[in-house]
């Protein structure tokens, strides 16, 4: 049996979007380049969540299990992390 595909929990996207929309956007001057950058970041995050949902639907159609992760702290020791090289055997 194949291992489930690890994906970020949707709440991560929601938290970032709420922070950007409710606090960050209002902390910068209106019509500033920074406000435009924040707006673009919000759009990008919404697209990322939408693309993840499309991936989830594709996995469901292919009967591929998905495992939502809330943190990197709970990953098995054998998992490869891009920030650290794979272990030599």
Protein backbone atom coordinates (compact mmCIF):
# COMPACT_ATOMS: atom_id res chain seq x y z
CA UNK A 1 0.00 0.00 0.00
CA UNK A 2 1.30 3.43 -0.92
CA UNK A 3 1.85 6.07 1.71
CA UNK A 4 -0.60 9.00 1.73
CA UNK A 5 0.50 12.17 -0.01
CA UNK A 6 1.31 14.84 2.61
CA UNK A 7 -0.39 18.19 1.99
CA UNK A 8 -0.71 21.33 4.09
CA UNK A 9 -3.92 21.63 6.02
CA UNK A 10 -6.31 24.18 4.50
CA UNK A 11 -6.21 26.15 7.74
CA UNK A 12 -2.67 27.28 6.88
CA UNK A 13 -3.94 29.09 3.82
CA UNK A 14 -6.86 30.54 5.76
CA UNK A 15 -4.61 31.85 8.52
CA UNK A 16 -2.27 33.56 6.06
CA UNK A 17 -5.15 35.04 4.08
CA UNK A 18 -6.86 36.38 7.18
CA UNK A 19 -3.63 37.93 8.44
CA UNK A 20 -2.90 39.58 5.10
CA UNK A 21 -6.47 40.76 4.50
CA UNK A 22 -7.35 41.92 8.00
CA UNK A 23 -4.08 43.28 9.34
CA UNK A 24 -1.23 43.54 6.86
CA UNK A 25 -3.28 45.28 4.16
CA UNK A 26 -4.37 47.98 6.60
CA UNK A 27 -0.91 48.46 8.09
CA UNK A 28 0.47 49.93 4.86
CA UNK A 29 -0.47 53.18 3.16
CA UNK A 30 -3.32 53.04 0.70
CA UNK A 31 -2.34 53.07 -2.97
CA UNK A 32 1.27 52.29 -2.06
CA UNK A 33 3.46 49.78 -3.90
CA UNK A 34 3.42 47.65 -0.74
CA UNK A 35 -0.36 47.47 -0.71
CA UNK A 36 -0.30 46.31 -4.33
CA UNK A 37 2.30 43.66 -3.42
CA UNK A 38 0.12 42.44 -0.55
CA UNK A 39 -2.88 42.30 -2.88
CA UNK A 40 -0.85 40.19 -5.35
CA UNK A 41 0.26 37.91 -2.51
CA UNK A 42 -3.36 37.37 -1.48
CA UNK A 43 -4.26 36.46 -5.06
CA UNK A 44 -1.32 34.03 -5.20
CA UNK A 45 -2.36 32.32 -1.96
CA UNK A 46 -5.94 31.95 -3.20
CA UNK A 47 -4.63 30.38 -6.41
CA UNK A 48 -2.37 28.04 -4.42
CA UNK A 49 -5.31 26.85 -2.30
CA UNK A 50 -7.40 26.36 -5.43
CA UNK A 51 -4.62 24.36 -7.08
CA UNK A 52 -4.23 22.22 -3.96
CA UNK A 53 -7.96 21.49 -4.00
CA UNK A 54 -7.67 20.45 -7.66
CA UNK A 55 -4.81 18.12 -6.71
CA UNK A 56 -6.93 16.67 -3.89
CA UNK A 57 -9.80 16.02 -6.32
CA UNK A 58 -7.40 14.35 -8.73
CA UNK A 59 -6.03 12.16 -5.94
CA UNK A 60 -9.55 11.23 -4.85
CA UNK A 61 -10.48 10.21 -8.40
CA UNK A 62 -7.30 8.10 -8.60
CA UNK A 63 -7.90 6.59 -5.12
CA UNK A 64 -4.68 8.10 -3.81
CA UNK A 65 -4.76 8.80 -0.09
CA UNK A 66 -4.05 12.30 1.23
CA UNK A 67 -2.72 13.15 4.66
CA UNK A 68 -3.12 16.72 5.90
CA UNK A 69 -0.23 18.10 7.91
CA UNK A 70 -0.43 20.85 10.49
CA UNK A 71 3.29 21.01 11.10
CA UNK A 72 6.60 19.59 9.97
CA UNK A 73 7.30 18.40 13.52
CA UNK A 74 5.18 15.27 13.14
CA UNK A 75 6.88 13.90 10.04
CA UNK A 76 8.46 10.46 10.28
CA UNK A 77 12.24 10.47 10.69
CA UNK A 78 12.58 8.74 7.32
CA UNK A 79 10.90 11.63 5.48
CA UNK A 80 13.09 13.67 3.21
CA UNK A 81 13.16 17.39 3.89
CA UNK A 82 14.34 19.77 1.14
CA UNK A 83 16.28 21.71 3.79
CA UNK A 84 18.32 18.66 4.76
CA UNK A 85 19.99 16.13 2.48
CA UNK A 86 18.76 12.53 2.41
CA UNK A 87 20.48 10.19 4.85
CA UNK A 88 23.15 7.85 3.50
CA UNK A 89 22.65 4.17 4.24
